[in-house]
Amino acid sequence: MTGAVAESLVPPDPHHDADELVRVENLVKYFPVRGSGLVSRTIAHVQAVDGVWVDLNDTQGLLGFAKQSRELGFSGMSCIHPAQVQAINNTFSPTAEEIDYCQRVLQAFAEANLRGDGSIAFGGQLIDRPIVERARRTIEMAKSLGLTS
């Protein structure tokens, strides 16, 4: 045992109504509950896994919650029932467009490194190491899921 932490779960707050969490207008209101420690986990290269969606009969709510979790920067979320797995996996899996973009970023950055450049303009955006690392992680996930070779 090395003492390293591979992931960290953000537990759900039982005092908040699940339906309230997925409404966009409440995103900022509930960010401290869901996002506490998210930045420190990211800096420490620890996966931040969001809590569960407790309403087993509300698939749309689950999808909305999972989408928000991904947009906030969580790398996944927990589930409490096998029926939730597919929706969560689909939400957190990289899309074909994301995979294509990440592959192009990695290619452009590799070419820039050969020229001695540490950052580049790509698609109207500044691309530097943190974005490249995110692109690498996305491609690694896509490979592990069999979405790309």
N, C-alpha and C. Protein backbone atom coordinates (compact mmCIF):
# COMPACT_ATOMS: atom_id res chain seq x y z
N MET A 1 0.85 -1.18 0.00
CA MET A 1 0.00 0.00 0.00
C MET A 1 0.89 1.24 0.00
N THR A 2 0.70 2.10 -0.98
CA THR A 2 1.54 3.28 -1.11
C THR A 2 0.96 4.50 -0.43
N GLY A 3 -0.29 4.46 -0.08
CA GLY A 3 -0.93 5.61 0.52
C GLY A 3 -1.51 6.56 -0.51
N ALA A 4 -1.37 6.24 -1.79
CA ALA A 4 -1.90 7.09 -2.85
C ALA A 4 -3.41 6.93 -2.94
N VAL A 5 -4.08 8.01 -3.29
CA VAL A 5 -5.52 7.99 -3.46
C VAL A 5 -5.81 8.04 -4.95
N ALA A 6 -6.58 7.10 -5.45
CA ALA A 6 -6.89 7.05 -6.88
C ALA A 6 -8.17 7.82 -7.20
N GLU A 7 -9.12 7.82 -6.29
CA GLU A 7 -10.35 8.55 -6.53
C GLU A 7 -10.97 8.94 -5.21
N SER A 8 -11.87 9.87 -5.28
CA SER A 8 -12.54 10.34 -4.08
C SER A 8 -14.00 10.59 -4.40
N LEU A 9 -14.87 10.09 -3.58
CA LEU A 9 -16.31 10.21 -3.79
C LEU A 9 -16.84 11.45 -3.10
N VAL A 10 -17.65 12.20 -3.83
CA VAL A 10 -18.34 13.33 -3.24
C VAL A 10 -19.72 12.82 -2.83
N PRO A 11 -19.98 12.70 -1.54
CA PRO A 11 -21.26 12.12 -1.10
C PRO A 11 -22.42 13.07 -1.37
N PRO A 12 -23.59 12.50 -1.61
CA PRO A 12 -24.76 13.36 -1.78
C PRO A 12 -25.15 13.97 -0.45
N ASP A 13 -25.80 15.09 -0.52
CA ASP A 13 -26.26 15.76 0.69
C ASP A 13 -27.72 15.37 0.92
N PRO A 14 -28.02 14.62 1.96
CA PRO A 14 -29.40 14.15 2.17
C PRO A 14 -30.38 15.26 2.51
N HIS A 15 -29.90 16.47 2.75
CA HIS A 15 -30.77 17.58 3.13
C HIS A 15 -31.29 18.36 1.93
N HIS A 16 -30.87 17.99 0.72
CA HIS A 16 -31.31 18.70 -0.47
C HIS A 16 -32.18 17.80 -1.32
N ASP A 17 -33.21 18.39 -1.88
CA ASP A 17 -34.12 17.70 -2.78
C ASP A 17 -33.39 17.43 -4.09
N ALA A 18 -33.38 16.19 -4.53
CA ALA A 18 -32.66 15.80 -5.74
C ALA A 18 -33.15 16.58 -6.95
N ASP A 19 -34.45 16.82 -7.06
CA ASP A 19 -34.97 17.57 -8.21
C ASP A 19 -34.41 18.98 -8.25
N GLU A 20 -34.16 19.58 -7.10
CA GLU A 20 -33.61 20.93 -7.06
C GLU A 20 -32.19 20.98 -7.60
N LEU A 21 -31.43 19.92 -7.39
CA LEU A 21 -30.03 19.91 -7.79
C LEU A 21 -29.85 20.03 -9.29
N VAL A 22 -30.78 19.50 -10.09
CA VAL A 22 -30.58 19.48 -11.53
C VAL A 22 -31.10 20.72 -12.24
N ARG A 23 -31.83 21.57 -11.58
CA ARG A 23 -32.29 22.79 -12.23
C ARG A 23 -31.11 23.74 -12.38
N VAL A 24 -30.94 24.25 -13.59
CA VAL A 24 -29.80 25.11 -13.90
C VAL A 24 -29.71 26.29 -12.94
N GLU A 25 -30.84 26.88 -12.61
CA GLU A 25 -30.81 28.05 -11.73
C GLU A 25 -30.28 27.72 -10.34
N ASN A 26 -30.29 26.44 -9.98
CA ASN A 26 -29.79 26.04 -8.67
C ASN A 26 -28.35 25.53 -8.71
N LEU A 27 -27.76 25.50 -9.90
CA LEU A 27 -26.40 24.98 -10.03
C LEU A 27 -25.43 25.74 -9.13
N VAL A 28 -25.47 27.06 -9.17
CA VAL A 28 -24.57 27.87 -8.34
C VAL A 28 -24.91 27.68 -6.86
N LYS A 29 -26.19 27.64 -6.56
CA LYS A 29 -26.64 27.49 -5.17
C LYS A 29 -26.09 26.22 -4.54
N TYR A 30 -26.11 25.12 -5.29
CA TYR A 30 -25.69 23.83 -4.73
C TYR A 30 -24.26 23.43 -5.08
N PHE A 31 -23.54 24.30 -5.80
CA PHE A 31 -22.17 23.96 -6.14
C PHE A 31 -21.31 23.68 -4.91
N PRO A 32 -21.43 24.47 -3.83
CA PRO A 32 -20.60 24.15 -2.66
C PRO A 32 -20.83 22.73 -2.13
N VAL A 33 -22.05 22.23 -2.24
CA VAL A 33 -22.35 20.87 -1.78
C VAL A 33 -21.67 19.85 -2.69
N ARG A 34 -21.84 20.03 -3.99
CA ARG A 34 -21.32 19.05 -4.95
C ARG A 34 -19.87 19.30 -5.31
N GLY A 35 -19.44 20.53 -5.23
CA GLY A 35 -18.12 20.86 -5.72
C GLY A 35 -17.05 21.00 -4.65
N SER A 36 -17.43 20.78 -3.39
CA SER A 36 -16.43 20.92 -2.34
C SER A 36 -15.29 19.93 -2.59
N GLY A 37 -14.13 20.46 -2.66
CA GLY A 37 -12.96 19.62 -2.87
C GLY A 37 -12.67 19.26 -4.31
N LEU A 38 -13.56 19.65 -5.24
CA LEU A 38 -13.35 19.29 -6.64
C LEU A 38 -12.03 19.84 -7.17
N VAL A 39 -11.74 21.08 -6.87
CA VAL A 39 -10.50 21.70 -7.35
C VAL A 39 -9.28 21.01 -6.74
N SER A 40 -9.32 20.76 -5.44
CA SER A 40 -8.16 20.12 -4.81
C SER A 40 -7.96 18.70 -5.33
N ARG A 41 -9.05 18.01 -5.64
CA ARG A 41 -8.91 16.66 -6.21
C ARG A 41 -8.27 16.73 -7.59
N THR A 42 -8.67 17.72 -8.37
CA THR A 42 -8.12 17.88 -9.70
C THR A 42 -6.63 18.20 -9.63
N ILE A 43 -6.26 19.11 -8.76
CA ILE A 43 -4.85 19.48 -8.60
C ILE A 43 -4.03 18.27 -8.16
N ALA A 44 -4.60 17.44 -7.31
CA ALA A 44 -3.90 16.27 -6.79
C ALA A 44 -3.96 15.08 -7.76
N HIS A 45 -4.58 15.29 -8.93
CA HIS A 45 -4.74 14.22 -9.92
C HIS A 45 -5.50 13.03 -9.34
N VAL A 46 -6.51 13.33 -8.56
CA VAL A 46 -7.38 12.32 -7.97
C VAL A 46 -8.74 12.44 -8.66
N GLN A 47 -9.27 11.34 -9.11
CA GLN A 47 -10.58 11.37 -9.73
C GLN A 47 -11.63 11.81 -8.73
N ALA A 48 -12.44 12.75 -9.14
CA ALA A 48 -13.56 13.19 -8.30
C ALA A 48 -14.83 12.52 -8.84
N VAL A 49 -15.39 11.66 -8.02
CA VAL A 49 -16.58 10.91 -8.41
C VAL A 49 -17.76 11.51 -7.65
N ASP A 50 -18.77 11.97 -8.40
CA ASP A 50 -19.93 12.60 -7.78
C ASP A 50 -20.80 11.55 -7.10
N GLY A 51 -21.70 12.01 -6.28
CA GLY A 51 -22.59 11.13 -5.53
C GLY A 51 -23.64 10.46 -6.39
N VAL A 52 -24.65 9.94 -5.76
CA VAL A 52 -25.66 9.13 -6.45
C VAL A 52 -26.92 9.94 -6.75
N TRP A 53 -27.68 9.45 -7.71
CA TRP A 53 -29.03 9.94 -7.99
C TRP A 53 -29.96 8.93 -7.35
N VAL A 54 -30.73 9.35 -6.36
CA VAL A 54 -31.46 8.39 -5.54
C VAL A 54 -32.83 8.00 -6.08
N ASP A 55 -33.39 8.75 -7.01
CA ASP A 55 -34.72 8.44 -7.52
C ASP A 55 -34.60 7.45 -8.68
N LEU A 56 -34.84 6.19 -8.41
CA LEU A 56 -34.69 5.15 -9.42
C LEU A 56 -35.71 5.25 -10.54
N ASN A 57 -36.80 5.96 -10.32
CA ASN A 57 -37.85 6.08 -11.33
C ASN A 57 -37.71 7.33 -12.20
N ASP A 58 -36.70 8.13 -11.96
CA ASP A 58 -36.53 9.39 -12.67
C ASP A 58 -35.28 9.35 -13.55
N THR A 59 -35.40 8.75 -14.72
CA THR A 59 -34.28 8.63 -15.64
C THR A 59 -33.85 10.00 -16.17
N GLN A 60 -34.80 10.87 -16.45
CA GLN A 60 -34.45 12.20 -16.96
C GLN A 60 -33.68 12.99 -15.90
N GLY A 61 -34.09 12.87 -14.66
CA GLY A 61 -33.36 13.52 -13.58
C GLY A 61 -31.94 12.99 -13.47
N LEU A 62 -31.79 11.67 -13.57
CA LEU A 62 -30.46 11.05 -13.54
C LEU A 62 -29.59 11.60 -14.66
N LEU A 63 -30.14 11.66 -15.87
CA LEU A 63 -29.38 12.16 -17.00
C LEU A 63 -28.97 13.62 -16.81
N GLY A 64 -29.89 14.43 -16.29
CA GLY A 64 -29.58 15.83 -16.04
C GLY A 64 -28.50 16.00 -14.98
N PHE A 65 -28.61 15.22 -13.92
CA PHE A 65 -27.64 15.26 -12.83
C PHE A 65 -26.26 14.81 -13.33
N ALA A 66 -26.24 13.73 -14.11
CA ALA A 66 -24.98 13.22 -14.64
C ALA A 66 -24.34 14.24 -15.58
N LYS A 67 -25.16 14.87 -16.41
CA LYS A 67 -24.64 15.88 -17.34
C LYS A 67 -24.03 17.04 -16.56
N GLN A 68 -24.72 17.51 -15.54
CA GLN A 68 -24.18 18.58 -14.71
C GLN A 68 -22.87 18.15 -14.05
N SER A 69 -22.85 16.93 -13.55
CA SER A 69 -21.64 16.42 -12.89
C SER A 69 -20.46 16.47 -13.83
N ARG A 70 -20.67 16.01 -15.04
CA ARG A 70 -19.59 16.01 -16.03
C ARG A 70 -19.17 17.43 -16.36
N GLU A 71 -20.14 18.32 -16.55
CA GLU A 71 -19.82 19.70 -16.88
C GLU A 71 -19.08 20.40 -15.74
N LEU A 72 -19.37 20.02 -14.51
CA LEU A 72 -18.66 20.60 -13.37
C LEU A 72 -17.22 20.11 -13.28
N GLY A 73 -16.93 18.96 -13.89
CA GLY A 73 -15.56 18.44 -13.86
C GLY A 73 -15.40 17.11 -13.16
N PHE A 74 -16.50 16.51 -12.72
CA PHE A 74 -16.41 15.19 -12.12
C PHE A 74 -16.05 14.18 -13.21
N SER A 75 -15.30 13.16 -12.83
CA SER A 75 -14.89 12.14 -13.80
C SER A 75 -15.87 10.98 -13.86
N GLY A 76 -16.83 10.97 -12.99
CA GLY A 76 -17.85 9.93 -12.97
C GLY A 76 -18.79 10.17 -11.81
N MET A 77 -19.71 9.25 -11.63
CA MET A 77 -20.60 9.33 -10.48
C MET A 77 -20.97 7.93 -10.04
N SER A 78 -21.39 7.82 -8.83
CA SER A 78 -21.78 6.53 -8.27
C SER A 78 -23.21 6.22 -8.67
N CYS A 79 -23.55 4.96 -8.57
CA CYS A 79 -24.94 4.59 -8.81
C CYS A 79 -25.38 3.61 -7.72
N ILE A 80 -26.68 3.51 -7.55
CA ILE A 80 -27.21 2.63 -6.51
C ILE A 80 -28.03 1.48 -7.08
N HIS A 81 -28.13 1.45 -8.43
CA HIS A 81 -28.91 0.40 -9.05
C HIS A 81 -28.33 0.11 -10.43
N PRO A 82 -28.28 -1.17 -10.83
CA PRO A 82 -27.73 -1.51 -12.15
C PRO A 82 -28.43 -0.79 -13.31
N ALA A 83 -29.69 -0.43 -13.14
CA ALA A 83 -30.41 0.26 -14.21
C ALA A 83 -29.83 1.65 -14.50
N GLN A 84 -29.01 2.19 -13.60
CA GLN A 84 -28.42 3.51 -13.78
C GLN A 84 -27.09 3.48 -14.53
N VAL A 85 -26.48 2.32 -14.64
CA VAL A 85 -25.13 2.21 -15.17
C VAL A 85 -25.02 2.72 -16.61
N GLN A 86 -25.91 2.29 -17.49
CA GLN A 86 -25.81 2.67 -18.89
C GLN A 86 -25.92 4.19 -19.08
N ALA A 87 -26.88 4.82 -18.41
CA ALA A 87 -27.05 6.28 -18.54
C ALA A 87 -25.81 7.02 -18.05
N ILE A 88 -25.25 6.56 -16.94
CA ILE A 88 -24.05 7.21 -16.40
C ILE A 88 -22.86 6.99 -17.32
N ASN A 89 -22.67 5.76 -17.78
CA ASN A 89 -21.56 5.48 -18.69
C ASN A 89 -21.68 6.29 -19.98
N ASN A 90 -22.88 6.35 -20.53
CA ASN A 90 -23.08 7.12 -21.76
C ASN A 90 -22.77 8.59 -21.55
N THR A 91 -23.15 9.12 -20.41
CA THR A 91 -22.93 10.54 -20.13
C THR A 91 -21.45 10.87 -19.95
N PHE A 92 -20.72 10.00 -19.29
CA PHE A 92 -19.32 10.30 -18.99
C PHE A 92 -18.35 9.79 -20.05
N SER A 93 -18.82 9.00 -21.01
CA SER A 93 -17.94 8.53 -22.08
C SER A 93 -17.72 9.65 -23.09
N PRO A 94 -16.50 9.76 -23.62
CA PRO A 94 -16.25 10.80 -24.61
C PRO A 94 -17.02 10.52 -25.91
N THR A 95 -17.51 11.60 -26.50
CA THR A 95 -18.24 11.48 -27.77
C THR A 95 -17.24 11.39 -28.92
N ALA A 96 -17.71 11.02 -30.08
CA ALA A 96 -16.85 10.95 -31.27
C ALA A 96 -16.24 12.32 -31.56
N GLU A 97 -17.03 13.37 -31.38
CA GLU A 97 -16.53 14.73 -31.62
C GLU A 97 -15.42 15.09 -30.62
N GLU A 98 -15.61 14.72 -29.36
CA GLU A 98 -14.59 15.00 -28.35
C GLU A 98 -13.30 14.22 -28.64
N ILE A 99 -13.44 12.98 -29.05
CA ILE A 99 -12.28 12.16 -29.38
C ILE A 99 -11.52 12.78 -30.55
N ASP A 100 -12.25 13.17 -31.58
CA ASP A 100 -11.62 13.79 -32.75
C ASP A 100 -10.88 15.06 -32.36
N TYR A 101 -11.54 15.92 -31.59
CA TYR A 101 -10.92 17.17 -31.15
C TYR A 101 -9.65 16.89 -30.35
N CYS A 102 -9.73 15.96 -29.41
CA CYS A 102 -8.57 15.65 -28.56
C CYS A 102 -7.42 15.10 -29.39
N GLN A 103 -7.71 14.25 -30.37
CA GLN A 103 -6.65 13.72 -31.23
C GLN A 103 -5.99 14.84 -32.02
N ARG A 104 -6.78 15.79 -32.51
CA ARG A 104 -6.22 16.92 -33.26
C ARG A 104 -5.39 17.82 -32.34
N VAL A 105 -5.85 18.03 -31.12
CA VAL A 105 -5.07 18.82 -30.14
C VAL A 105 -3.73 18.16 -29.88
N LEU A 106 -3.74 16.87 -29.64
CA LEU A 106 -2.50 16.15 -29.34
C LEU A 106 -1.54 16.20 -30.53
N GLN A 107 -2.06 16.05 -31.73
CA GLN A 107 -1.23 16.11 -32.93
C GLN A 107 -0.62 17.51 -33.10
N ALA A 108 -1.44 18.54 -32.96
CA ALA A 108 -0.96 19.91 -33.11
C ALA A 108 0.06 20.26 -32.03
N PHE A 109 -0.16 19.77 -30.82
CA PHE A 109 0.78 20.07 -29.73
C PHE A 109 2.10 19.33 -29.94
N ALA A 110 2.03 18.11 -30.44
CA ALA A 110 3.26 17.35 -30.71
C ALA A 110 4.08 18.08 -31.78
N GLU A 111 3.41 18.58 -32.80
CA GLU A 111 4.11 19.33 -33.85
C GLU A 111 4.71 20.61 -33.28
N ALA A 112 3.99 21.27 -32.40
CA ALA A 112 4.49 22.50 -31.77
C ALA A 112 5.71 22.21 -30.91
N ASN A 113 5.69 21.09 -30.19
CA ASN A 113 6.84 20.72 -29.35
C ASN A 113 8.09 20.49 -30.20
N LEU A 114 7.90 19.92 -31.39
CA LEU A 114 9.04 19.70 -32.28
C LEU A 114 9.67 21.03 -32.70
N ARG A 115 8.86 22.08 -32.75
CA ARG A 115 9.35 23.42 -33.07
C ARG A 115 9.89 24.14 -31.83
N GLY A 116 9.66 23.54 -30.66
CA GLY A 116 10.12 24.16 -29.41
C GLY A 116 9.08 25.05 -28.76
N ASP A 117 7.84 25.00 -29.24
CA ASP A 117 6.77 25.82 -28.66
C ASP A 117 6.11 25.09 -27.49
N GLY A 118 5.80 25.84 -26.42
CA GLY A 118 5.17 25.24 -25.24
C GLY A 118 3.66 25.40 -25.21
N SER A 119 3.15 26.30 -26.04
CA SER A 119 1.71 26.47 -26.16
C SER A 119 1.42 26.89 -27.59
N ILE A 120 0.18 26.68 -28.01
CA ILE A 120 -0.19 26.99 -29.39
C ILE A 120 -1.59 27.58 -29.44
N ALA A 121 -1.86 28.25 -30.54
CA ALA A 121 -3.23 28.67 -30.83
C ALA A 121 -3.82 27.56 -31.70
N PHE A 122 -4.97 27.06 -31.29
CA PHE A 122 -5.61 25.96 -32.01
C PHE A 122 -7.11 26.19 -31.99
N GLY A 123 -7.71 26.31 -33.15
CA GLY A 123 -9.15 26.52 -33.22
C GLY A 123 -9.60 27.77 -32.49
N GLY A 124 -8.73 28.79 -32.48
CA GLY A 124 -9.08 30.04 -31.82
C GLY A 124 -8.89 30.03 -30.31
N GLN A 125 -8.27 28.96 -29.78
CA GLN A 125 -8.03 28.87 -28.34
C GLN A 125 -6.56 28.67 -28.06
N LEU A 126 -6.14 29.13 -26.89
CA LEU A 126 -4.79 28.86 -26.41
C LEU A 126 -4.78 27.43 -25.88
N ILE A 127 -3.86 26.64 -26.38
CA ILE A 127 -3.71 25.26 -25.92
C ILE A 127 -2.37 25.17 -25.22
N ASP A 128 -2.42 24.80 -23.93
CA ASP A 128 -1.18 24.61 -23.17
C ASP A 128 -1.24 23.26 -22.46
N ARG A 129 -0.27 22.99 -21.62
CA ARG A 129 -0.14 21.66 -21.01
C ARG A 129 -1.40 21.15 -20.29
N PRO A 130 -2.08 21.95 -19.47
CA PRO A 130 -3.27 21.40 -18.81
C PRO A 130 -4.35 20.91 -19.80
N ILE A 131 -4.52 21.63 -20.88
CA ILE A 131 -5.51 21.21 -21.88
C ILE A 131 -5.02 19.96 -22.60
N VAL A 132 -3.72 19.91 -22.87
CA VAL A 132 -3.16 18.72 -23.51
C VAL A 132 -3.30 17.51 -22.60
N GLU A 133 -3.06 17.68 -21.31
CA GLU A 133 -3.22 16.56 -20.37
C GLU A 133 -4.67 16.08 -20.32
N ARG A 134 -5.61 16.99 -20.35
CA ARG A 134 -7.02 16.61 -20.38
C ARG A 134 -7.33 15.84 -21.67
N ALA A 135 -6.76 16.30 -22.79
CA ALA A 135 -6.96 15.60 -24.06
C ALA A 135 -6.37 14.19 -23.99
N ARG A 136 -5.19 14.06 -23.38
CA ARG A 136 -4.57 12.72 -23.23
C ARG A 136 -5.45 11.80 -22.39
N ARG A 137 -5.96 12.34 -21.29
CA ARG A 137 -6.84 11.51 -20.43
C ARG A 137 -8.11 11.10 -21.17
N THR A 138 -8.64 12.00 -21.97
CA THR A 138 -9.84 11.68 -22.75
C THR A 138 -9.55 10.56 -23.74
N ILE A 139 -8.42 10.64 -24.42
CA ILE A 139 -8.06 9.60 -25.38
C ILE A 139 -7.77 8.27 -24.67
N GLU A 140 -7.13 8.34 -23.53
CA GLU A 140 -6.88 7.11 -22.74
C GLU A 140 -8.21 6.46 -22.35
N MET A 141 -9.17 7.28 -21.90
CA MET A 141 -10.48 6.74 -21.54
C MET A 141 -11.15 6.12 -22.77
N ALA A 142 -11.11 6.84 -23.89
CA ALA A 142 -11.73 6.34 -25.11
C ALA A 142 -11.12 5.00 -25.53
N LYS A 143 -9.81 4.89 -25.41
CA LYS A 143 -9.14 3.62 -25.74
C LYS A 143 -9.57 2.51 -24.79
N SER A 144 -9.65 2.82 -23.50
CA SER A 144 -10.03 1.80 -22.53
C SER A 144 -11.47 1.32 -22.74
N LEU A 145 -12.30 2.20 -23.32
CA LEU A 145 -13.69 1.84 -23.60
C LEU A 145 -13.88 1.25 -25.00
N GLY A 146 -12.78 1.14 -25.76
CA GLY A 146 -12.85 0.60 -27.11
C GLY A 146 -13.48 1.56 -28.11
N LEU A 147 -13.44 2.86 -27.82
CA LEU A 147 -14.04 3.85 -28.71
C LEU A 147 -13.08 4.35 -29.77
N THR A 148 -11.78 4.09 -29.59
CA THR A 148 -10.75 4.47 -30.54
C THR A 148 -9.57 3.53 -30.35
N SER A 149 -8.70 3.54 -31.36
CA SER A 149 -7.52 2.65 -31.24
C SER A 149 -6.28 3.44 -30.92
